[in-house]
Amino acid sequence: MSVRPLRKSDLAAAGRVCRTAFGTFLGAADPETFWTDRDYVGSRWRAAHTAAFAAETGGELVGSVFATKWGSVGFLGPLTVRPDLWGDGTGTRLIEAAMAAFNDMDTRHVGLFTFAHSPKHVGLYQKFGFWPRFLTPIMTAPVRGNLAPGPTSRYSALSERDRAVCLDDCRAVADAIYQGLDLTEEIRTVDTQGLGDTVLVSTGDRVAGFAVCHYGPKSEAGAGACFVKFGAVRSGPAEDETFGRLLDACETLAAAQGLPVLVAGVSTARHEAYRHLLARGFRAELLGVTMHRPNEAGYSRPGVYVLDDWR
């Protein structure tokens, strides 16, 4: 078995392995058709801020892994291996390649999302210095209509000049939460690949919060859903109110696209953000745990209004 960079010609096979692996583990009736309404492989392979690797046996792709850089923060995943090869060391070899990529990316804090009820998953990642810290539910809520989120805009509607200013503001919002955290490449990727849009809430002429949202069959959202891959608001005395406005803006975007469900992940360590979602009617549909390397909180701590999904 060998590990090499993932190629464009591998995407169909890698997508099939990804769907089959998750479908098998989660007990889907037909793993081959699991998650055919979303894509965790193609968009990440095309993203400039993500490294992708394939495991190959006898000329056949049998697994893949992705390493994504958000400035000083990185996250690992998805890692998937063909089910009949689980436990043979393929996953270990893929993680080794991803960790080398993170070293080259000069990330300071690396994390991942895995299944809280799986000792095998947790044990595998612990071998590489990842430690479980916080329960992280993936939460859903029905989209309401007639919301008034206050001054908002969308990245797709901005001029090139305004986009540059917007990206600077979004970088500043993220950096204030965790030094070096930077979502600008994620924002660009969603725009250039047509995966969704980024909603922006403002205070005065400055971006006070942003949310990178996926929707549509090329995205990671799933049918009928608007998925918040990352959202954050500027720290300060009005952050709870701003967070509410940001969620309203996400719902408004979903409603405009005719999508009935809003999906977002949140670490329970961000207590205020988690409670805010519960109060708005969000309920967990999947419960995982985030693992961190080094064993530090990063930006998963009380008082931080961030939504993210490290799947």
C-alpha atoms as a PDB file:
ATOM      1  CA  MET A   1       0.000   0.000   0.000  1.00  0.00           C
ATOM      2  CA  SER A   2       1.281   3.463  -0.872  1.00  0.00           C
ATOM      3  CA  VAL A   3       0.168   6.999  -0.022  1.00  0.00           C
ATOM      4  CA  ARG A   4       0.393   9.811  -2.560  1.00  0.00           C
ATOM      5  CA  PRO A   5      -1.319  13.126  -3.361  1.00  0.00           C
ATOM      6  CA  LEU A   6      -4.941  12.766  -4.421  1.00  0.00           C
ATOM      7  CA  ARG A   7      -5.434  13.393  -8.149  1.00  0.00           C
ATOM      8  CA  LYS A   8      -8.367  14.716 -10.144  1.00  0.00           C
ATOM      9  CA  SER A   9      -8.785  11.281 -11.690  1.00  0.00           C
ATOM     10  CA  ASP A  10      -9.238   9.851  -8.153  1.00  0.00           C
ATOM     11  CA  LEU A  11     -12.219  11.993  -7.175  1.00  0.00           C
ATOM     12  CA  ALA A  12     -14.987   9.590  -8.174  1.00  0.00           C
ATOM     13  CA  ALA A  13     -13.335   6.657  -6.391  1.00  0.00           C
ATOM     14  CA  ALA A  14     -12.484   8.759  -3.328  1.00  0.00           C
ATOM     15  CA  GLY A  15     -16.071   9.992  -3.121  1.00  0.00           C
ATOM     16  CA  ARG A  16     -17.354   6.424  -3.325  1.00  0.00           C
ATOM     17  CA  VAL A  17     -15.024   5.256  -0.535  1.00  0.00           C
ATOM     18  CA  CYS A  18     -16.009   8.254   1.597  1.00  0.00           C
ATOM     19  CA  ARG A  19     -19.728   7.556   1.235  1.00  0.00           C
ATOM     20  CA  THR A  20     -19.342   3.810   1.769  1.00  0.00           C
ATOM     21  CA  ALA A  21     -17.139   4.221   4.834  1.00  0.00           C
ATOM     22  CA  PHE A  22     -19.453   6.664   6.596  1.00  0.00           C
ATOM     23  CA  GLY A  23     -22.542   4.782   5.484  1.00  0.00           C
ATOM     24  CA  THR A  24     -21.176   1.500   6.826  1.00  0.00           C
ATOM     25  CA  PHE A  25     -20.117   2.964  10.162  1.00  0.00           C
ATOM     26  CA  LEU A  26     -23.429   4.788  10.646  1.00  0.00           C
ATOM     27  CA  GLY A  27     -25.470   1.721   9.711  1.00  0.00           C
ATOM     28  CA  ALA A  28     -27.033   2.963   6.469  1.00  0.00           C
ATOM     29  CA  ALA A  29     -29.220   0.435   4.660  1.00  0.00           C
ATOM     30  CA  ASP A  30     -27.272   1.022   1.435  1.00  0.00           C
ATOM     31  CA  PRO A  31     -23.824   2.518   2.152  1.00  0.00           C
ATOM     32  CA  GLU A  32     -23.100   2.897  -1.580  1.00  0.00           C
ATOM     33  CA  THR A  33     -25.810   5.564  -1.883  1.00  0.00           C
ATOM     34  CA  PHE A  34     -25.194   7.254   1.473  1.00  0.00           C
ATOM     35  CA  TRP A  35     -24.603  11.029   1.313  1.00  0.00           C
ATOM     36  CA  THR A  36     -25.007  11.227  -2.462  1.00  0.00           C
ATOM     37  CA  ASP A  37     -26.627  14.627  -1.828  1.00  0.00           C
ATOM     38  CA  ARG A  38     -23.341  16.202  -0.686  1.00  0.00           C
ATOM     39  CA  ASP A  39     -19.644  16.238  -1.533  1.00  0.00           C
ATOM     40  CA  TYR A  40     -16.842  16.143   1.027  1.00  0.00           C
ATOM     41  CA  VAL A  41     -14.174  15.270  -1.548  1.00  0.00           C
ATOM     42  CA  GLY A  42     -14.291  17.336  -4.739  1.00  0.00           C
ATOM     43  CA  SER A  43     -14.562  20.794  -3.223  1.00  0.00           C
ATOM     44  CA  ARG A  44     -11.761  20.159  -0.730  1.00  0.00           C
ATOM     45  CA  TRP A  45      -9.474  18.752  -3.403  1.00  0.00           C
ATOM     46  CA  ARG A  46     -10.015  21.944  -5.443  1.00  0.00           C
ATOM     47  CA  ALA A  47      -9.400  24.281  -2.492  1.00  0.00           C
ATOM     48  CA  ALA A  48      -6.024  26.015  -2.402  1.00  0.00           C
ATOM     49  CA  HIS A  49      -5.849  25.819   1.402  1.00  0.00           C
ATOM     50  CA  THR A  50      -6.366  22.031   1.617  1.00  0.00           C
ATOM     51  CA  ALA A  51      -3.893  19.184   1.066  1.00  0.00           C
ATOM     52  CA  ALA A  52      -5.390  15.852  -0.050  1.00  0.00           C
ATOM     53  CA  PHE A  53      -3.863  12.367  -0.016  1.00  0.00           C
ATOM     54  CA  ALA A  54      -4.859   8.976  -1.372  1.00  0.00           C
ATOM     55  CA  ALA A  55      -4.019   5.448  -0.242  1.00  0.00           C
ATOM     56  CA  GLU A  56      -3.555   3.009  -3.102  1.00  0.00           C
ATOM     57  CA  THR A  57      -3.295  -0.769  -3.176  1.00  0.00           C
ATOM     58  CA  GLY A  58      -2.652  -2.667  -6.394  1.00  0.00           C
ATOM     59  CA  GLY A  59      -3.422   0.427  -8.444  1.00  0.00           C
ATOM     60  CA  GLU A  60      -6.804   0.897  -6.710  1.00  0.00           C
ATOM     61  CA  LEU A  61      -7.697   3.812  -4.447  1.00  0.00           C
ATOM     62  CA  VAL A  62      -8.721   2.500  -1.017  1.00  0.00           C
ATOM     63  CA  GLY A  63      -8.771   5.630   1.156  1.00  0.00           C
ATOM     64  CA  SER A  64      -8.206   9.361   1.395  1.00  0.00           C
ATOM     65  CA  VAL A  65      -7.612  12.146   3.893  1.00  0.00           C
ATOM     66  CA  PHE A  66      -7.701  15.945   3.841  1.00  0.00           C
ATOM     67  CA  ALA A  67      -5.700  18.552   5.778  1.00  0.00           C
ATOM     68  CA  THR A  68      -7.265  22.025   5.788  1.00  0.00           C
ATOM     69  CA  LYS A  69      -5.513  25.246   6.833  1.00  0.00           C
ATOM     70  CA  TRP A  70      -7.444  28.120   8.414  1.00  0.00           C
ATOM     71  CA  GLY A  71      -4.439  30.339   9.026  1.00  0.00           C
ATOM     72  CA  SER A  72      -2.753  29.226  12.249  1.00  0.00           C
ATOM     73  CA  VAL A  73      -5.423  26.544  12.770  1.00  0.00           C
ATOM     74  CA  GLY A  74      -5.754  23.304  10.821  1.00  0.00           C
ATOM     75  CA  PHE A  75      -8.248  20.492  10.871  1.00  0.00           C
ATOM     76  CA  LEU A  76      -7.948  16.878   9.766  1.00  0.00           C
ATOM     77  CA  GLY A  77     -10.651  15.122   7.818  1.00  0.00           C
ATOM     78  CA  PRO A  78     -12.503  13.460   6.522  1.00  0.00           C
ATOM     79  CA  LEU A  79     -10.326  10.373   6.836  1.00  0.00           C
ATOM     80  CA  THR A  80     -11.983   7.421   5.115  1.00  0.00           C
ATOM     81  CA  VAL A  81     -10.818   3.911   4.280  1.00  0.00           C
ATOM     82  CA  ARG A  82     -12.645   1.164   2.398  1.00  0.00           C
ATOM     83  CA  PRO A  83     -14.497  -0.844   5.072  1.00  0.00           C
ATOM     84  CA  ASP A  84     -12.942  -4.214   4.233  1.00  0.00           C
ATOM     85  CA  LEU A  85      -9.523  -2.703   5.030  1.00  0.00           C
ATOM     86  CA  TRP A  86     -10.401  -1.180   8.400  1.00  0.00           C
ATOM     87  CA  GLY A  87      -7.714  -1.937  10.958  1.00  0.00           C
ATOM     88  CA  ASP A  88      -4.964  -2.805   8.454  1.00  0.00           C
ATOM     89  CA  GLY A  89      -2.911   0.380   8.995  1.00  0.00           C
ATOM     90  CA  THR A  90      -4.173   2.346   5.983  1.00  0.00           C
ATOM     91  CA  GLY A  91      -5.682   5.045   8.192  1.00  0.00           C
ATOM     92  CA  THR A  92      -2.427   5.412  10.103  1.00  0.00           C
ATOM     93  CA  ARG A  93      -0.437   5.928   6.895  1.00  0.00           C
ATOM     94  CA  LEU A  94      -2.898   8.555   5.678  1.00  0.00           C
ATOM     95  CA  ILE A  95      -2.756  10.460   8.975  1.00  0.00           C
ATOM     96  CA  GLU A  96       1.046  10.450   8.784  1.00  0.00           C
ATOM     97  CA  ALA A  97       0.845  12.169   5.397  1.00  0.00           C
ATOM     98  CA  ALA A  98      -1.670  14.725   6.679  1.00  0.00           C
ATOM     99  CA  MET A  99       0.442  15.548   9.740  1.00  0.00           C
ATOM    100  CA  ALA A 100       3.470  16.164   7.523  1.00  0.00           C
ATOM    101  CA  ALA A 101       1.323  18.566   5.497  1.00  0.00           C
ATOM    102  CA  PHE A 102       0.278  20.436   8.638  1.00  0.00           C
ATOM    103  CA  ASN A 103       3.941  20.819   9.552  1.00  0.00           C
ATOM    104  CA  ASP A 104       4.592  22.341   6.141  1.00  0.00           C
ATOM    105  CA  MET A 105       1.568  24.648   6.582  1.00  0.00           C
ATOM    106  CA  ASP A 106       3.045  25.973   9.845  1.00  0.00           C
ATOM    107  CA  THR A 107      -0.214  25.496  11.748  1.00  0.00           C
ATOM    108  CA  ARG A 108      -0.100  26.131  15.495  1.00  0.00           C
ATOM    109  CA  HIS A 109      -3.250  24.274  16.547  1.00  0.00           C
ATOM    110  CA  VAL A 110      -4.777  21.270  14.754  1.00  0.00           C
ATOM    111  CA  GLY A 111      -8.107  19.621  15.483  1.00  0.00           C
ATOM    112  CA  LEU A 112     -10.584  17.079  14.198  1.00  0.00           C
ATOM    113  CA  PHE A 113     -14.149  15.873  14.734  1.00  0.00           C
ATOM    114  CA  THR A 114     -14.797  12.215  15.406  1.00  0.00           C
ATOM    115  CA  PHE A 115     -17.467   9.944  16.834  1.00  0.00           C
ATOM    116  CA  ALA A 116     -17.738  10.301  20.602  1.00  0.00           C
ATOM    117  CA  HIS A 117     -18.965   6.712  21.003  1.00  0.00           C
ATOM    118  CA  SER A 118     -16.081   5.081  19.095  1.00  0.00           C
ATOM    119  CA  PRO A 119     -13.044   4.057  21.195  1.00  0.00           C
ATOM    120  CA  LYS A 120     -11.251   2.940  18.014  1.00  0.00           C
ATOM    121  CA  HIS A 121     -11.483   6.378  16.422  1.00  0.00           C
ATOM    122  CA  VAL A 122     -10.420   8.179  19.593  1.00  0.00           C
ATOM    123  CA  GLY A 123      -7.569   5.733  20.176  1.00  0.00           C
ATOM    124  CA  LEU A 124      -6.252   6.074  16.630  1.00  0.00           C
ATOM    125  CA  TYR A 125      -6.035   9.851  16.801  1.00  0.00           C
ATOM    126  CA  GLN A 126      -4.513   9.827  20.283  1.00  0.00           C
ATOM    127  CA  LYS A 127      -1.502   8.033  18.784  1.00  0.00           C
ATOM    128  CA  PHE A 128      -0.818  11.248  16.878  1.00  0.00           C
ATOM    129  CA  GLY A 129      -1.129  13.578  19.850  1.00  0.00           C
ATOM    130  CA  PHE A 130      -4.812  14.500  19.479  1.00  0.00           C
ATOM    131  CA  TRP A 131      -6.768  14.522  22.725  1.00  0.00           C
ATOM    132  CA  PRO A 132     -10.560  14.562  23.198  1.00  0.00           C
ATOM    133  CA  ARG A 133     -11.791  17.735  24.847  1.00  0.00           C
ATOM    134  CA  PHE A 134     -15.326  18.852  23.997  1.00  0.00           C
ATOM    135  CA  LEU A 135     -18.620  17.349  22.917  1.00  0.00           C
ATOM    136  CA  THR A 136     -19.611  18.974  19.639  1.00  0.00           C
ATOM    137  CA  PRO A 137     -23.149  18.491  18.345  1.00  0.00           C
ATOM    138  CA  ILE A 138     -24.105  19.058  14.735  1.00  0.00           C
ATOM    139  CA  MET A 139     -27.392  20.892  15.219  1.00  0.00           C
ATOM    140  CA  THR A 140     -30.395  21.617  13.011  1.00  0.00           C
ATOM    141  CA  ALA A 141     -33.338  23.997  13.163  1.00  0.00           C
ATOM    142  CA  PRO A 142     -36.245  24.756  10.841  1.00  0.00           C
ATOM    143  CA  VAL A 143     -35.848  27.911   8.784  1.00  0.00           C
ATOM    144  CA  ARG A 144     -38.315  30.634   9.666  1.00  0.00           C
ATOM    145  CA  GLY A 145     -39.482  33.427   7.398  1.00  0.00           C
ATOM    146  CA  ASN A 146     -39.861  37.203   7.771  1.00  0.00           C
ATOM    147  CA  LEU A 147     -36.670  37.764   9.762  1.00  0.00           C
ATOM    148  CA  ALA A 148     -35.070  41.183  10.138  1.00  0.00           C
ATOM    149  CA  PRO A 149     -31.356  40.587  10.735  1.00  0.00           C
ATOM    150  CA  GLY A 150     -30.373  44.267  10.557  1.00  0.00           C
ATOM    151  CA  PRO A 151     -27.613  45.577   8.251  1.00  0.00           C
ATOM    152  CA  THR A 152     -26.411  42.549   6.280  1.00  0.00           C
ATOM    153  CA  SER A 153     -24.818  41.751   2.956  1.00  0.00           C
ATOM    154  CA  ARG A 154     -23.435  38.788   1.066  1.00  0.00           C
ATOM    155  CA  TYR A 155     -19.910  38.321  -0.195  1.00  0.00           C
ATOM    156  CA  SER A 156     -21.169  37.361  -3.664  1.00  0.00           C
ATOM    157  CA  ALA A 157     -22.847  40.773  -4.060  1.00  0.00           C
ATOM    158  CA  LEU A 158     -19.760  42.866  -3.262  1.00  0.00           C
ATOM    159  CA  SER A 159     -17.544  44.642  -5.778  1.00  0.00           C
ATOM    160  CA  GLU A 160     -13.916  43.547  -6.041  1.00  0.00           C
ATOM    161  CA  ARG A 161     -12.809  46.571  -4.028  1.00  0.00           C
ATOM    162  CA  ASP A 162     -15.388  45.931  -1.313  1.00  0.00           C
ATOM    163  CA  ARG A 163     -14.432  42.255  -1.247  1.00  0.00           C
ATOM    164  CA  ALA A 164     -10.867  43.146  -0.341  1.00  0.00           C
ATOM    165  CA  VAL A 165     -12.064  45.323   2.543  1.00  0.00           C
ATOM    166  CA  CYS A 166     -14.509  42.617   3.626  1.00  0.00           C
ATOM    167  CA  LEU A 167     -11.813  39.939   3.722  1.00  0.00           C
ATOM    168  CA  ASP A 168      -9.589  42.193   5.834  1.00  0.00           C
ATOM    169  CA  ASP A 169     -12.474  42.693   8.274  1.00  0.00           C
ATOM    170  CA  CYS A 170     -13.256  38.959   8.420  1.00  0.00           C
ATOM    171  CA  ARG A 171      -9.597  38.210   9.052  1.00  0.00           C
ATOM    172  CA  ALA A 172      -9.587  40.713  11.916  1.00  0.00           C
ATOM    173  CA  VAL A 173     -12.740  39.196  13.446  1.00  0.00           C
ATOM    174  CA  ALA A 174     -11.181  35.719  13.411  1.00  0.00           C
ATOM    175  CA  ASP A 175      -7.745  36.845  14.586  1.00  0.00           C
ATOM    176  CA  ALA A 176      -9.275  38.544  17.619  1.00  0.00           C
ATOM    177  CA  ILE A 177     -10.774  35.183  18.601  1.00  0.00           C
ATOM    178  CA  TYR A 178      -7.578  33.172  18.092  1.00  0.00           C
ATOM    179  CA  GLN A 179      -4.303  34.625  16.889  1.00  0.00           C
ATOM    180  CA  GLY A 180      -3.722  33.785  13.245  1.00  0.00           C
ATOM    181  CA  LEU A 181      -7.143  32.195  12.639  1.00  0.00           C
ATOM    182  CA  ASP A 182      -8.037  33.139   9.062  1.00  0.00           C
ATOM    183  CA  LEU A 183     -11.091  32.068   7.057  1.00  0.00           C
ATOM    184  CA  THR A 184     -10.466  34.198   3.974  1.00  0.00           C
ATOM    185  CA  GLU A 185      -9.467  31.252   1.768  1.00  0.00           C
ATOM    186  CA  GLU A 186     -12.600  29.397   2.872  1.00  0.00           C
ATOM    187  CA  ILE A 187     -14.694  32.418   1.888  1.00  0.00           C
ATOM    188  CA  ARG A 188     -12.993  32.601  -1.518  1.00  0.00           C
ATOM    189  CA  THR A 189     -13.388  28.862  -2.092  1.00  0.00           C
ATOM    190  CA  VAL A 190     -17.130  28.903  -1.462  1.00  0.00           C
ATOM    191  CA  ASP A 191     -17.479  31.811  -3.878  1.00  0.00           C
ATOM    192  CA  THR A 192     -15.267  30.543  -6.709  1.00  0.00           C
ATOM    193  CA  GLN A 193     -16.638  26.978  -6.593  1.00  0.00           C
ATOM    194  CA  GLY A 194     -20.270  28.031  -6.248  1.00  0.00           C
ATOM    195  CA  LEU A 195     -20.731  26.104  -3.002  1.00  0.00           C
ATOM    196  CA  GLY A 196     -22.939  28.715  -1.338  1.00  0.00           C
ATOM    197  CA  ASP A 197     -22.282  32.216  -0.010  1.00  0.00           C
ATOM    198  CA  THR A 198     -20.896  34.115   2.975  1.00  0.00           C
ATOM    199  CA  VAL A 199     -23.301  36.303   4.919  1.00  0.00           C
ATOM    200  CA  LEU A 200     -22.007  39.439   6.628  1.00  0.00           C
ATOM    201  CA  VAL A 201     -23.478  41.484   9.473  1.00  0.00           C
ATOM    202  CA  SER A 202     -22.195  44.989  10.054  1.00  0.00           C
ATOM    203  CA  THR A 203     -21.870  47.598  12.761  1.00  0.00           C
ATOM    204  CA  GLY A 204     -21.372  50.950  11.121  1.00  0.00           C
ATOM    205  CA  ASP A 205     -19.139  50.378   8.128  1.00  0.00           C
ATOM    206  CA  ARG A 206     -17.285  47.401   9.623  1.00  0.00           C
ATOM    207  CA  VAL A 207     -18.016  43.683   9.413  1.00  0.00           C
ATOM    208  CA  ALA A 208     -19.081  42.569  12.883  1.00  0.00           C
ATOM    209  CA  GLY A 209     -19.729  38.931  11.995  1.00  0.00           C
ATOM    210  CA  PHE A 210     -19.639  36.507   9.096  1.00  0.00           C
ATOM    211  CA  ALA A 211     -20.826  32.997   8.298  1.00  0.00           C
ATOM    212  CA  VAL A 212     -19.534  30.790   5.484  1.00  0.00           C
ATOM    213  CA  CYS A 213     -22.608  28.879   4.294  1.00  0.00           C
ATOM    214  CA  HIS A 214     -22.908  25.855   2.003  1.00  0.00           C
ATOM    215  CA  TYR A 215     -25.926  24.764  -0.012  1.00  0.00           C
ATOM    216  CA  GLY A 216     -26.543  22.794  -3.174  1.00  0.00           C
ATOM    217  CA  PRO A 217     -25.390  19.387  -4.496  1.00  0.00           C
ATOM    218  CA  LYS A 218     -21.720  20.381  -4.962  1.00  0.00           C
ATOM    219  CA  SER A 219     -21.457  21.471  -1.335  1.00  0.00           C
ATOM    220  CA  GLU A 220     -21.233  19.732   2.044  1.00  0.00           C
ATOM    221  CA  ALA A 221     -24.749  20.754   3.089  1.00  0.00           C
ATOM    222  CA  GLY A 222     -27.004  17.895   2.047  1.00  0.00           C
ATOM    223  CA  ALA A 223     -30.374  18.137   0.334  1.00  0.00           C
ATOM    224  CA  GLY A 224     -32.716  20.808   1.671  1.00  0.00           C
ATOM    225  CA  ALA A 225     -30.161  22.309   4.054  1.00  0.00           C
ATOM    226  CA  CYS A 226     -28.122  25.455   4.475  1.00  0.00           C
ATOM    227  CA  PHE A 227     -24.971  24.459   6.336  1.00  0.00           C
ATOM    228  CA  VAL A 228     -22.867  26.938   8.330  1.00  0.00           C
ATOM    229  CA  LYS A 229     -19.326  25.641   7.925  1.00  0.00           C
ATOM    230  CA  PHE A 230     -17.899  28.503   9.974  1.00  0.00           C
ATOM    231  CA  GLY A 231     -19.423  31.541  11.626  1.00  0.00           C
ATOM    232  CA  ALA A 232     -18.043  34.099  14.054  1.00  0.00           C
ATOM    233  CA  VAL A 233     -18.787  37.526  15.481  1.00  0.00           C
ATOM    234  CA  ARG A 234     -16.478  40.269  16.669  1.00  0.00           C
ATOM    235  CA  SER A 235     -15.748  40.081  20.397  1.00  0.00           C
ATOM    236  CA  GLY A 236     -17.274  42.853  22.476  1.00  0.00           C
ATOM    237  CA  PRO A 237     -20.200  43.902  24.659  1.00  0.00           C
ATOM    238  CA  ALA A 238     -22.795  43.366  21.892  1.00  0.00           C
ATOM    239  CA  GLU A 239     -21.560  39.958  20.762  1.00  0.00           C
ATOM    240  CA  ASP A 240     -24.648  38.019  21.872  1.00  0.00           C
ATOM    241  CA  GLU A 241     -26.931  40.396  19.964  1.00  0.00           C
ATOM    242  CA  THR A 242     -24.614  40.292  16.943  1.00  0.00           C
ATOM    243  CA  PHE A 243     -24.587  36.505  17.065  1.00  0.00           C
ATOM    244  CA  GLY A 244     -28.371  36.513  16.939  1.00  0.00           C
ATOM    245  CA  ARG A 245     -28.285  38.811  13.931  1.00  0.00           C
ATOM    246  CA  LEU A 246     -25.800  36.523  12.232  1.00  0.00           C
ATOM    247  CA  LEU A 247     -28.047  33.505  12.723  1.00  0.00           C
ATOM    248  CA  ASP A 248     -30.972  35.544  11.369  1.00  0.00           C
ATOM    249  CA  ALA A 249     -28.876  36.370   8.305  1.00  0.00           C
ATOM    250  CA  CYS A 250     -28.111  32.679   7.786  1.00  0.00           C
ATOM    251  CA  GLU A 251     -31.801  31.831   8.009  1.00  0.00           C
ATOM    252  CA  THR A 252     -32.643  34.628   5.589  1.00  0.00           C
ATOM    253  CA  LEU A 253     -30.117  33.210   3.113  1.00  0.00           C
ATOM    254  CA  ALA A 254     -31.592  29.721   3.529  1.00  0.00           C
ATOM    255  CA  ALA A 255     -35.124  31.017   3.005  1.00  0.00           C
ATOM    256  CA  ALA A 256     -34.050  32.879  -0.135  1.00  0.00           C
ATOM    257  CA  GLN A 257     -32.704  29.588  -1.505  1.00  0.00           C
ATOM    258  CA  GLY A 258     -35.902  27.720  -0.595  1.00  0.00           C
ATOM    259  CA  LEU A 259     -34.125  25.585   2.009  1.00  0.00           C
ATOM    260  CA  PRO A 260     -36.152  24.440   5.029  1.00  0.00           C
ATOM    261  CA  VAL A 261     -33.308  23.494   7.419  1.00  0.00           C
ATOM    262  CA  LEU A 262     -30.308  25.323   8.900  1.00  0.00           C
ATOM    263  CA  VAL A 263     -27.362  23.160  10.072  1.00  0.00           C
ATOM    264  CA  ALA A 264     -24.488  24.265  12.298  1.00  0.00           C
ATOM    265  CA  GLY A 265     -21.886  22.682  14.554  1.00  0.00           C
ATOM    266  CA  VAL A 266     -20.881  24.199  17.885  1.00  0.00           C
ATOM    267  CA  SER A 267     -18.501  23.092  20.609  1.00  0.00           C
ATOM    268  CA  THR A 268     -20.213  22.825  23.972  1.00  0.00           C
ATOM    269  CA  ALA A 269     -17.114  24.530  25.404  1.00  0.00           C
ATOM    270  CA  ARG A 270     -18.455  27.724  23.807  1.00  0.00           C
ATOM    271  CA  HIS A 271     -21.212  27.704  26.375  1.00  0.00           C
ATOM    272  CA  GLU A 272     -22.909  30.952  25.432  1.00  0.00           C
ATOM    273  CA  ALA A 273     -23.039  30.112  21.728  1.00  0.00           C
ATOM    274  CA  TYR A 274     -24.345  26.601  22.469  1.00  0.00           C
ATOM    275  CA  ARG A 275     -27.082  27.924  24.764  1.00  0.00           C
ATOM    276  CA  HIS A 276     -28.028  30.518  22.165  1.00  0.00           C
ATOM    277  CA  LEU A 277     -28.631  27.791  19.582  1.00  0.00           C
ATOM    278  CA  LEU A 278     -30.698  25.747  22.037  1.00  0.00           C
ATOM    279  CA  ALA A 279     -32.839  28.782  22.841  1.00  0.00           C
ATOM    280  CA  ARG A 280     -33.521  29.277  19.129  1.00  0.00           C
ATOM    281  CA  GLY A 281     -34.804  25.741  18.747  1.00  0.00           C
ATOM    282  CA  PHE A 282     -31.708  23.990  17.398  1.00  0.00           C
ATOM    283  CA  ARG A 283     -31.456  20.320  18.292  1.00  0.00           C
ATOM    284  CA  ALA A 284     -28.554  17.895  17.903  1.00  0.00           C
ATOM    285  CA  GLU A 285     -28.797  15.416  15.039  1.00  0.00           C
ATOM    286  CA  LEU A 286     -25.242  14.057  15.458  1.00  0.00           C
ATOM    287  CA  LEU A 287     -23.019  14.160  18.530  1.00  0.00           C
ATOM    288  CA  GLY A 288     -19.260  14.040  18.171  1.00  0.00           C
ATOM    289  CA  VAL A 289     -16.159  15.057  20.056  1.00  0.00           C
ATOM    290  CA  THR A 290     -13.441  17.422  18.930  1.00  0.00           C
ATOM    291  CA  MET A 291      -9.862  16.329  19.498  1.00  0.00           C
ATOM    292  CA  HIS A 292      -7.038  18.854  19.732  1.00  0.00           C
ATOM    293  CA  ARG A 293      -3.296  18.870  19.131  1.00  0.00           C
ATOM    294  CA  PRO A 294      -1.765  20.174  21.347  1.00  0.00           C
ATOM    295  CA  ASN A 295      -4.133  19.453  24.212  1.00  0.00           C
ATOM    296  CA  GLU A 296      -5.326  23.048  24.464  1.00  0.00           C
ATOM    297  CA  ALA A 297      -8.688  24.734  24.046  1.00  0.00           C
ATOM    298  CA  GLY A 298      -7.753  26.834  21.027  1.00  0.00           C
ATOM    299  CA  TYR A 299     -10.806  28.947  20.289  1.00  0.00           C
ATOM    300  CA  SER A 300     -13.190  26.476  21.967  1.00  0.00           C
ATOM    301  CA  ARG A 301     -13.724  28.312  25.232  1.00  0.00           C
ATOM    302  CA  PRO A 302     -16.458  30.236  27.062  1.00  0.00           C
ATOM    303  CA  GLY A 303     -17.260  33.679  25.714  1.00  0.00           C
ATOM    304  CA  VAL A 304     -16.413  32.793  22.114  1.00  0.00           C
ATOM    305  CA  TYR A 305     -19.282  33.017  19.641  1.00  0.00           C
ATOM    306  CA  VAL A 306     -18.109  30.663  16.903  1.00  0.00           C
ATOM    307  CA  LEU A 307     -19.869  27.994  14.851  1.00  0.00           C
ATOM    308  CA  ASP A 308     -17.722  25.465  13.038  1.00  0.00           C
ATOM    309  CA  ASP A 309     -17.637  21.925  11.699  1.00  0.00           C
ATOM    310  CA  TRP A 310     -14.375  19.983  11.535  1.00  0.00           C
ATOM    311  CA  ARG A 311     -15.857  16.945   9.792  1.00  0.00           C
END
